[in-house]
Amino acid sequence: MSNDFKGSVFGRKLSQQTGINELMEDLGHALDRSSEMIMMGGGAPALIPGMESIWRRHMEEMLRDGRRFEDTVGLYDTPRGRPDFLETFAAFLKLWRRTSI
């Protein structure tokens, strides 16, 4: 029995080209070819300076706020989601319904 992982059926499946690999390669090449290109593919968001400054400000606030950053990147939400978010979103929907009727 061979220990050659790439020679196994499983290894061949893992090492063959896939659609997502090809897409990501194409997107990477697109960025290499032009600094003027706006990357809008593959789920990448547009780089909008106004939004970047908002995200930067929020990230800086998270980093200054105790364990908020660690909790955000390291703790899973419950299967239902974060209770405080759910309450806030429900309140928003109630307000939206009252103002849109």
Protein backbone atom coordinates (compact mmCIF):
# COMPACT_ATOMS: atom_id res chain seq x y z
CA MET A 1 0.00 0.00 0.00
CA SER A 2 1.41 3.35 -1.03
CA ASN A 3 1.89 6.24 1.40
CA ASP A 4 1.79 8.66 -1.55
CA PHE A 5 -1.17 10.88 -0.64
CA LYS A 6 -1.36 12.53 -4.09
CA GLY A 7 -1.53 9.09 -5.68
CA SER A 8 -4.62 8.09 -3.73
CA VAL A 9 -8.15 8.66 -5.02
CA PHE A 10 -8.75 11.10 -2.14
CA GLY A 11 -5.47 12.91 -2.80
CA ARG A 12 -6.23 13.30 -6.52
CA LYS A 13 -9.64 14.79 -5.69
CA LEU A 14 -8.07 17.29 -3.29
CA SER A 15 -5.31 18.30 -5.69
CA GLN A 16 -7.39 18.87 -8.82
CA GLN A 17 -8.47 22.32 -9.96
CA THR A 18 -11.91 23.50 -8.79
CA GLY A 19 -14.18 26.28 -9.91
CA ILE A 20 -13.59 28.34 -6.78
CA ASN A 21 -9.81 27.97 -7.14
CA GLU A 22 -10.02 29.18 -10.73
CA LEU A 23 -12.23 32.12 -9.73
CA MET A 24 -9.86 33.19 -6.96
CA GLU A 25 -6.86 32.90 -9.30
CA ASP A 26 -8.65 35.06 -11.90
CA LEU A 27 -9.52 37.68 -9.28
CA GLY A 28 -5.93 37.74 -8.05
CA HIS A 29 -4.60 38.19 -11.59
CA ALA A 30 -7.06 41.02 -12.20
CA LEU A 31 -5.64 42.94 -9.26
CA ASP A 32 -2.07 42.36 -10.45
CA ARG A 33 -2.76 43.82 -13.87
CA SER A 34 -4.25 47.20 -12.98
CA SER A 35 -4.17 49.40 -9.92
CA GLU A 36 -7.15 51.27 -11.40
CA MET A 37 -9.41 48.21 -11.33
CA ILE A 38 -12.33 48.23 -8.91
CA MET A 39 -12.64 44.73 -7.49
CA MET A 40 -16.33 43.82 -7.47
CA GLY A 41 -16.09 40.07 -7.89
CA GLY A 42 -15.82 37.02 -5.70
CA GLY A 43 -17.71 38.58 -2.83
CA ALA A 44 -15.14 41.30 -2.27
CA PRO A 45 -16.73 44.60 -1.28
CA ALA A 46 -16.07 47.80 -3.17
CA LEU A 47 -13.41 49.99 -1.57
CA ILE A 48 -15.34 53.16 -0.78
CA PRO A 49 -13.26 55.70 1.19
CA GLY A 50 -16.22 56.94 3.25
CA MET A 51 -17.14 53.40 4.30
CA GLU A 52 -13.52 52.49 4.96
CA SER A 53 -13.27 55.37 7.45
CA ILE A 54 -16.47 54.24 9.18
CA TRP A 55 -15.19 50.63 9.44
CA ARG A 56 -11.80 51.89 10.68
CA ARG A 57 -13.47 54.02 13.38
CA HIS A 58 -15.60 51.08 14.56
CA MET A 59 -12.58 48.75 14.59
CA GLU A 60 -10.59 51.27 16.66
CA GLU A 61 -13.52 51.53 19.11
CA MET A 62 -13.64 47.73 19.39
CA LEU A 63 -9.91 47.52 20.05
CA ARG A 64 -10.14 50.11 22.86
CA ASP A 65 -13.18 48.48 24.49
CA GLY A 66 -11.84 45.79 26.81
CA ARG A 67 -12.48 42.33 25.40
CA ARG A 68 -14.96 43.45 22.73
CA PHE A 69 -12.60 42.63 19.85
CA GLU A 70 -11.71 39.20 21.26
CA ASP A 71 -15.35 38.42 21.95
CA THR A 72 -16.33 39.48 18.41
CA VAL A 73 -13.72 37.39 16.61
CA GLY A 74 -13.46 34.51 19.07
CA LEU A 75 -16.89 33.73 20.48
CA TYR A 76 -19.68 32.07 18.56
CA ASP A 77 -23.17 33.46 18.79
CA THR A 78 -25.98 31.24 20.00
CA PRO A 79 -27.84 29.31 17.27
CA ARG A 80 -30.55 32.02 17.37
CA GLY A 81 -28.01 34.85 17.20
CA ARG A 82 -26.98 37.52 19.69
CA PRO A 83 -29.89 38.38 22.00
CA ASP A 84 -29.05 42.11 22.07
CA PHE A 85 -28.93 42.22 18.26
CA LEU A 86 -32.23 40.34 17.98
CA GLU A 87 -33.92 42.76 20.41
CA THR A 88 -32.55 45.80 18.58
CA PHE A 89 -33.57 44.42 15.19
CA ALA A 90 -37.07 43.55 16.43
CA ALA A 91 -37.47 47.10 17.77
CA PHE A 92 -36.31 48.46 14.41
CA LEU A 93 -38.85 46.33 12.54
CA LYS A 94 -41.67 47.44 14.87
CA LEU A 95 -40.74 51.09 14.36
CA TRP A 96 -40.41 50.61 10.60
CA ARG A 97 -43.83 48.94 10.44
CA ARG A 98 -45.47 51.80 12.36
CA THR A 99 -43.89 54.45 10.15
CA SER A 100 -44.50 52.68 6.82
CA ILE A 101 -48.19 51.90 7.19
